[in-house]
Amino acid sequence: MRVVVVGATGNVGTSVVRALEADERVTSIVGVARRSPGSRDGRVEWHKADVVRSDLSPIFEGADVVVHLAWLFQPTRDATVTWRANVLGSTRVFRAAAEAGVSALVYASSVGAYSPRSKDVPVDETWPTHGFAGAAYGREKAYVERVLDVFENDNPGIRVVRMRPGFIFKHEAATEQRRLFAGPFLPRRLVKAGRIPFVPDIPGLKLQILHAEDAAEAYRLAVTQEVSGAFNLAAEPVLDPRALAELIGARVVPVSGPLARAAVSAGWHLRLVPAAPGLLELALAIPLMKVDRAREVLGWTPRHTAEDAIQAVLEGMHAGAGMDTAPLAPDSAAGRMSEVATGIGARSTPES
């Protein structure tokens, strides 16, 4: 089986490649990214390509499965750039997969594609995927779901899988997460259990999280089995501010929704943080997910808890961890200075 992984150098992509390398049924792996990794150990054939501009069909030629992971979270200050990469780029990937005659397409959707709902009752994969209009991430994920609807209708012979994970973390991707969401002014020495002074208790904030290794295992199962449709992915337990505070040894400080929104908005407008205010709104709006289908149809069970994933990313941030790829480059003074110099949230980053 020949598998192409688009966006193979980011948080999820590096773990997916590792999982596929360990499966003897996968005889050939092609990694696609805008910039090749520094280390090329293993049995991956690397191709430099941009989903917006490059001719992808020749790269996909002879592939059995295309896994599409590439996604831009930045720049949050220019939604036309992320729309071009995420929506138009995804459309080009899907079209190239059809032109190359692949048998299956596995796409990285997200909990962020789901329509808002109160978090009292978890939703299954039939819940509407119209996204949250107040965040570019939600709008783009929802739009690509509609593109896939058309793609499936036009290409009934291609098996299509949509993965809808919660928030994905791992130790090696910690610097990328810090760079994308917290920015260059977050001091590493404070990002450690016992040193974080408080966690804001924002009403309605509940998150589903999983480790990148578990997400990668779900992708491996989707690649190698004759399954189709959507799969929610998340680990237990669901984390709210109080559970998170207990995990990291911090106290809880009640913060109203309007105050939290105002603080995030001020930080973004003052160019102190790269995460746009809509991301907080999205986190408050998205529903909780049932993961029964992934367990019953894929045979997927996460090996790490949500708490494990949080601890891994915090330890990684404290250590400045990373990998030898452009998205996962380790923390450095030069890197932080570059983040400041380029406008904090104003520059696009490599595939994640």
Protein backbone atom coordinates (compact mmCIF):
# COMPACT_ATOMS: atom_id res chain seq x y z
CA MET A 1 0.00 0.00 0.00
CA ARG A 2 1.37 3.41 -1.02
CA VAL A 3 0.26 6.33 1.19
CA VAL A 4 0.80 10.05 0.60
CA VAL A 5 0.71 12.30 3.68
CA VAL A 6 0.16 15.97 2.86
CA GLY A 7 1.37 18.15 5.72
CA ALA A 8 3.73 15.46 7.01
CA THR A 9 6.07 17.67 9.07
CA GLY A 10 3.67 19.12 11.65
CA ASN A 11 2.16 18.09 14.97
CA VAL A 12 -0.08 15.33 13.62
CA GLY A 13 1.82 14.63 10.41
CA THR A 14 5.04 13.54 12.08
CA SER A 15 3.11 11.13 14.29
CA VAL A 16 1.07 9.78 11.37
CA VAL A 17 4.24 9.09 9.39
CA ARG A 18 5.71 7.25 12.38
CA ALA A 19 2.55 5.15 12.79
CA LEU A 20 2.47 4.26 9.10
CA GLU A 21 6.15 3.29 9.13
CA ALA A 22 5.38 0.74 11.85
CA ASP A 23 2.65 -0.95 9.76
CA GLU A 24 4.01 -3.64 7.45
CA ARG A 25 0.98 -3.31 5.17
CA VAL A 26 2.17 0.18 4.23
CA THR A 27 4.96 -0.50 1.75
CA SER A 28 5.56 3.09 0.59
CA ILE A 29 5.13 6.47 2.29
CA VAL A 30 5.35 9.84 0.56
CA GLY A 31 5.69 12.90 2.80
CA VAL A 32 4.60 16.24 1.32
CA ALA A 33 5.41 19.61 2.91
CA ARG A 34 6.37 23.12 1.89
CA ARG A 35 9.79 22.57 3.47
CA SER A 36 11.46 19.19 3.80
CA PRO A 37 12.56 18.01 7.27
CA GLY A 38 16.20 18.32 8.26
CA SER A 39 16.42 14.65 9.21
CA ARG A 40 15.36 12.08 6.63
CA ASP A 41 15.68 8.86 8.57
CA GLY A 42 13.14 6.12 7.91
CA ARG A 43 11.53 5.00 4.69
CA VAL A 44 9.70 8.16 3.66
CA GLU A 45 10.05 9.66 0.18
CA TRP A 46 9.88 13.43 0.59
CA HIS A 47 8.43 15.98 -1.84
CA LYS A 48 8.43 19.75 -1.42
CA ALA A 49 5.09 21.15 -2.55
CA ASP A 50 2.65 23.92 -1.73
CA VAL A 51 -1.04 22.93 -1.80
CA VAL A 52 -1.94 26.36 -3.20
CA ARG A 53 0.52 26.45 -6.11
CA SER A 54 2.18 23.11 -6.83
CA ASP A 55 1.08 20.47 -9.31
CA LEU A 56 0.06 17.71 -6.91
CA SER A 57 -1.23 15.07 -9.32
CA PRO A 58 2.25 13.70 -10.23
CA ILE A 59 3.08 13.35 -6.53
CA PHE A 60 -0.15 11.42 -5.92
CA GLU A 61 0.32 9.17 -8.95
CA GLY A 62 0.32 5.50 -7.95
CA ALA A 63 -0.91 6.18 -4.41
CA ASP A 64 -3.60 4.06 -2.81
CA VAL A 65 -4.46 6.60 -0.07
CA VAL A 66 -3.94 10.34 0.33
CA VAL A 67 -3.99 11.68 3.91
CA HIS A 68 -4.59 15.45 3.91
CA LEU A 69 -3.36 17.17 7.08
CA ALA A 70 -1.93 20.48 5.84
CA TRP A 71 -3.54 23.50 7.50
CA LEU A 72 -2.54 27.10 8.26
CA PHE A 73 -3.52 28.53 11.65
CA GLN A 74 -1.71 31.79 10.95
CA PRO A 75 -1.84 34.59 9.94
CA THR A 76 -4.88 35.39 12.04
CA ARG A 77 -4.61 38.98 10.83
CA ASP A 78 -5.21 38.12 7.18
CA ALA A 79 -8.02 35.61 6.68
CA THR A 80 -7.54 35.64 2.91
CA VAL A 81 -4.21 33.83 3.34
CA THR A 82 -5.65 31.07 5.51
CA TRP A 83 -8.72 30.76 3.25
CA ARG A 84 -6.49 30.35 0.22
CA ALA A 85 -4.36 27.68 1.88
CA ASN A 86 -7.04 25.84 3.83
CA VAL A 87 -10.08 25.96 1.57
CA LEU A 88 -8.66 26.43 -1.91
CA GLY A 89 -5.61 24.32 -1.06
CA SER A 90 -7.78 21.49 0.24
CA THR A 91 -9.93 21.68 -2.88
CA ARG A 92 -6.79 21.31 -5.01
CA VAL A 93 -5.65 18.30 -2.93
CA PHE A 94 -9.02 16.59 -3.40
CA ARG A 95 -9.05 17.30 -7.13
CA ALA A 96 -5.51 15.99 -7.56
CA ALA A 97 -6.38 12.83 -5.62
CA ALA A 98 -9.27 12.16 -8.02
CA GLU A 99 -7.10 12.88 -11.06
CA ALA A 100 -4.43 10.48 -9.78
CA GLY A 101 -7.00 7.74 -9.29
CA VAL A 102 -6.42 7.10 -5.59
CA SER A 103 -8.69 4.64 -3.83
CA ALA A 104 -9.13 6.54 -0.58
CA LEU A 105 -8.89 10.04 0.87
CA VAL A 106 -8.49 10.65 4.60
CA TYR A 107 -9.03 14.28 5.59
CA ALA A 108 -8.27 16.10 8.86
CA SER A 109 -11.47 17.86 9.80
CA SER A 110 -12.02 18.97 13.40
CA VAL A 111 -14.42 19.42 16.27
CA GLY A 112 -14.21 23.04 15.09
CA ALA A 113 -16.33 22.13 12.05
CA TYR A 114 -19.36 21.38 14.22
CA SER A 115 -22.22 23.82 14.68
CA PRO A 116 -22.47 25.37 18.15
CA ARG A 117 -24.33 23.56 20.87
CA SER A 118 -24.45 23.64 24.66
CA LYS A 119 -22.11 21.12 26.23
CA ASP A 120 -24.76 19.28 28.21
CA VAL A 121 -25.20 16.41 25.69
CA PRO A 122 -22.30 15.11 23.53
CA VAL A 123 -22.96 14.89 19.80
CA ASP A 124 -22.22 12.11 17.35
CA GLU A 125 -20.96 12.43 13.77
CA THR A 126 -24.41 13.33 12.42
CA TRP A 127 -24.43 16.72 14.18
CA PRO A 128 -24.41 19.56 11.59
CA THR A 129 -21.00 20.82 10.47
CA HIS A 130 -21.73 24.46 9.75
CA GLY A 131 -18.98 25.71 12.04
CA PHE A 132 -18.85 28.87 14.13
CA ALA A 133 -19.00 31.98 11.96
CA GLY A 134 -17.04 34.12 14.41
CA ALA A 135 -13.74 32.28 13.87
CA ALA A 136 -11.87 31.80 10.61
CA TYR A 137 -10.87 28.30 11.72
CA GLY A 138 -14.49 27.23 12.18
CA ARG A 139 -15.64 28.85 8.92
CA GLU A 140 -12.86 27.18 6.93
CA LYS A 141 -13.29 23.73 8.46
CA ALA A 142 -17.04 23.89 7.81
CA TYR A 143 -16.57 25.04 4.23
CA VAL A 144 -14.18 22.19 3.46
CA GLU A 145 -16.80 19.78 4.79
CA ARG A 146 -19.14 21.12 2.08
CA VAL A 147 -16.40 20.75 -0.53
CA LEU A 148 -16.05 17.11 0.54
CA ASP A 149 -19.80 16.60 0.21
CA VAL A 150 -19.52 17.57 -3.45
CA PHE A 151 -16.34 15.53 -3.88
CA GLU A 152 -18.00 12.37 -2.55
CA ASN A 153 -21.01 12.88 -4.80
CA ASP A 154 -18.79 13.35 -7.86
CA ASN A 155 -16.37 10.52 -6.98
CA PRO A 156 -18.41 7.60 -5.60
CA GLY A 157 -15.54 5.17 -6.22
CA ILE A 158 -13.22 6.93 -3.75
CA ARG A 159 -13.47 5.99 -0.09
CA VAL A 160 -13.60 9.20 1.97
CA VAL A 161 -12.85 9.43 5.70
CA ARG A 162 -13.27 12.59 7.76
CA MET A 163 -11.43 12.70 11.06
CA ARG A 164 -12.89 15.14 13.62
CA PRO A 165 -10.51 15.28 16.56
CA GLY A 166 -10.48 17.50 19.60
CA PHE A 167 -7.38 19.49 20.52
CA ILE A 168 -4.21 17.52 19.74
CA PHE A 169 -0.99 17.87 21.76
CA LYS A 170 2.39 16.20 22.19
CA HIS A 171 5.74 17.05 23.76
CA GLU A 172 7.59 17.63 20.47
CA ALA A 173 4.94 20.05 19.17
CA ALA A 174 4.92 22.24 22.27
CA THR A 175 6.94 25.10 20.78
CA GLU A 176 4.68 25.17 17.74
CA GLN A 177 1.61 25.37 20.01
CA ARG A 178 3.21 28.16 22.02
CA ARG A 179 4.09 30.04 18.83
CA LEU A 180 0.65 29.66 17.26
CA PHE A 181 -1.53 30.45 20.27
CA ALA A 182 0.43 32.06 23.13
CA GLY A 183 3.10 34.00 21.28
CA PRO A 184 6.70 35.00 22.05
CA PHE A 185 6.11 36.69 25.41
CA LEU A 186 5.15 33.54 27.31
CA PRO A 187 8.14 32.75 29.57
CA ARG A 188 9.26 29.12 29.43
CA ARG A 189 10.23 29.00 33.09
CA LEU A 190 6.61 29.60 34.17
CA VAL A 191 5.09 26.90 31.96
CA LYS A 192 5.38 24.04 34.41
CA ALA A 193 3.07 22.32 36.86
CA GLY A 194 3.28 24.15 40.16
CA ARG A 195 4.49 27.41 38.61
CA ILE A 196 1.37 28.50 36.75
CA PRO A 197 -0.34 30.81 39.24
CA PHE A 198 -3.97 30.42 38.23
CA VAL A 199 -6.40 29.10 35.64
CA PRO A 200 -9.28 31.38 34.59
CA ASP A 201 -12.59 29.69 35.28
CA ILE A 202 -14.60 30.81 32.25
CA PRO A 203 -18.22 29.60 32.26
CA GLY A 204 -18.87 27.00 29.57
CA LEU A 205 -15.22 26.23 28.84
CA LYS A 206 -14.87 22.46 28.48
CA LEU A 207 -12.33 20.87 26.15
CA GLN A 208 -11.73 17.43 24.66
CA ILE A 209 -8.08 16.66 24.12
CA LEU A 210 -5.99 13.79 22.81
CA HIS A 211 -2.36 12.92 22.32
CA ALA A 212 -0.92 13.14 18.80
CA GLU A 213 0.18 9.50 19.00
CA ASP A 214 -3.42 8.43 19.54
CA ALA A 215 -4.64 10.65 16.71
CA ALA A 216 -1.99 9.06 14.48
CA GLU A 217 -3.16 5.57 15.40
CA ALA A 218 -6.70 6.50 14.36
CA TYR A 219 -5.37 7.74 11.02
CA ARG A 220 -3.41 4.50 10.53
CA LEU A 221 -6.56 2.50 11.15
CA ALA A 222 -8.53 4.67 8.71
CA VAL A 223 -5.83 4.22 6.06
CA THR A 224 -5.53 0.45 6.35
CA GLN A 225 -9.18 -0.55 6.85
CA GLU A 226 -12.16 -0.34 4.48
CA VAL A 227 -14.00 2.30 6.49
CA SER A 228 -15.58 5.57 5.43
CA GLY A 229 -17.47 8.49 6.88
CA ALA A 230 -16.69 10.71 9.86
CA PHE A 231 -15.03 9.78 13.14
CA ASN A 232 -14.93 11.85 16.32
CA LEU A 233 -11.65 11.49 18.22
CA ALA A 234 -11.04 12.46 21.84
CA ALA A 235 -9.62 11.02 25.05
CA GLU A 236 -11.06 11.03 28.53
CA PRO A 237 -11.59 12.96 30.69
CA VAL A 238 -13.24 16.13 29.44
CA LEU A 239 -11.23 18.99 30.95
CA ASP A 240 -12.80 22.11 32.41
CA PRO A 241 -10.84 24.90 34.15
CA ARG A 242 -11.16 23.29 37.59
CA ALA A 243 -9.86 19.93 36.37
CA LEU A 244 -7.01 21.65 34.58
CA ALA A 245 -6.11 23.69 37.66
CA GLU A 246 -6.04 20.56 39.79
CA LEU A 247 -3.82 18.82 37.25
CA ILE A 248 -1.17 21.57 37.20
CA GLY A 249 -1.40 22.63 40.83
CA ALA A 250 -2.88 26.07 40.19
CA ARG A 251 -5.74 27.93 41.79
CA VAL A 252 -8.95 28.78 39.98
CA VAL A 253 -9.95 32.39 39.43
CA PRO A 254 -13.52 33.02 38.22
CA VAL A 255 -13.53 35.12 35.05
CA SER A 256 -16.72 36.11 33.29
CA GLY A 257 -17.15 35.39 29.61
CA PRO A 258 -17.23 39.08 28.61
CA LEU A 259 -14.07 39.81 30.62
CA ALA A 260 -12.24 36.84 29.08
CA ARG A 261 -13.27 37.92 25.58
CA ALA A 262 -12.16 41.49 26.25
CA ALA A 263 -8.77 40.33 27.56
CA VAL A 264 -8.08 38.08 24.57
CA SER A 265 -9.24 40.78 22.16
CA ALA A 266 -7.00 43.38 23.79
CA GLY A 267 -3.99 41.06 23.67
CA TRP A 268 -4.55 40.35 19.99
CA HIS A 269 -5.14 43.97 18.97
CA LEU A 270 -2.04 45.06 20.93
CA ARG A 271 -0.03 42.32 19.13
CA LEU A 272 0.85 40.58 22.37
CA VAL A 273 -0.65 37.22 21.35
CA PRO A 274 -1.23 35.64 17.92
CA ALA A 275 -4.51 33.87 18.74
CA ALA A 276 -7.48 35.80 17.40
CA PRO A 277 -10.40 36.52 19.77
CA GLY A 278 -12.65 34.25 17.71
CA LEU A 279 -10.71 31.19 18.86
CA LEU A 280 -11.93 31.68 22.44
CA GLU A 281 -15.48 32.12 21.14
CA LEU A 282 -15.04 28.92 19.13
CA ALA A 283 -13.81 26.99 22.17
CA LEU A 284 -16.88 28.10 24.10
CA ALA A 285 -19.27 27.31 21.23
CA ILE A 286 -18.15 23.86 20.05
CA PRO A 287 -20.02 20.84 21.38
CA LEU A 288 -18.62 17.87 23.23
CA MET A 289 -18.31 14.76 21.06
CA LYS A 290 -19.21 11.12 21.41
CA VAL A 291 -16.38 8.84 20.26
CA ASP A 292 -18.33 5.57 20.13
CA ARG A 293 -18.04 5.21 16.36
CA ALA A 294 -14.24 5.40 16.38
CA ARG A 295 -14.15 2.70 19.04
CA GLU A 296 -16.70 0.42 17.41
CA VAL A 297 -15.90 0.85 13.70
CA LEU A 298 -12.20 1.72 13.68
CA GLY A 299 -11.36 -0.37 16.73
CA TRP A 300 -9.61 2.72 18.17
CA THR A 301 -8.86 3.19 21.85
CA PRO A 302 -6.57 6.02 22.99
CA ARG A 303 -3.56 4.92 25.07
CA HIS A 304 -3.08 8.36 26.60
CA THR A 305 -5.53 10.33 28.73
CA ALA A 306 -6.36 13.95 28.06
CA GLU A 307 -4.33 14.74 31.19
CA ASP A 308 -1.32 12.93 29.71
CA ALA A 309 -1.53 15.11 26.60
CA ILE A 310 -1.73 18.32 28.64
CA GLN A 311 1.24 17.32 30.77
CA ALA A 312 3.25 16.43 27.65
CA VAL A 313 2.69 19.81 26.01
CA LEU A 314 3.40 21.76 29.20
CA GLU A 315 6.62 19.87 29.78
CA GLY A 316 7.52 20.48 26.15
CA MET A 317 6.90 24.22 26.42
CA HIS A 318 9.02 24.41 29.55
CA ALA A 319 11.85 22.57 27.78
CA GLY A 320 11.46 24.44 24.48
CA ALA A 321 10.96 21.08 22.77
CA GLY A 322 10.65 20.53 19.06
CA MET A 323 11.73 18.42 16.08
CA ASP A 324 13.88 18.95 13.01
CA THR A 325 11.03 20.24 10.84
CA ALA A 326 9.98 23.80 10.04
CA PRO A 327 6.65 23.72 11.94
CA LEU A 328 8.12 21.98 14.99
CA ALA A 329 11.41 23.88 15.27
CA PRO A 330 12.56 24.07 18.93
CA ASP A 331 12.27 27.26 20.93
CA SER A 332 15.08 29.81 20.58
CA ALA A 333 15.76 33.47 21.26
CA ALA A 334 16.22 34.10 17.55
CA GLY A 335 12.91 32.43 16.79
CA ARG A 336 11.05 34.56 19.32
CA MET A 337 12.65 37.73 17.98
CA SER A 338 11.50 36.74 14.50
CA GLU A 339 7.95 36.28 15.79
CA VAL A 340 7.99 39.81 17.18
CA ALA A 341 9.63 41.30 14.10
CA THR A 342 7.06 39.77 11.75
CA GLY A 343 4.03 41.04 13.63
CA ILE A 344 2.82 38.26 15.99
CA GLY A 345 -0.01 36.58 14.13
CA ALA A 346 0.70 38.39 10.87
CA ARG A 347 2.87 35.76 9.23
CA SER A 348 1.88 32.41 7.75
CA THR A 349 3.53 29.31 9.18
CA PRO A 350 4.31 25.93 7.60
CA GLU A 351 1.88 23.04 7.52
CA SER A 352 0.70 21.71 10.85
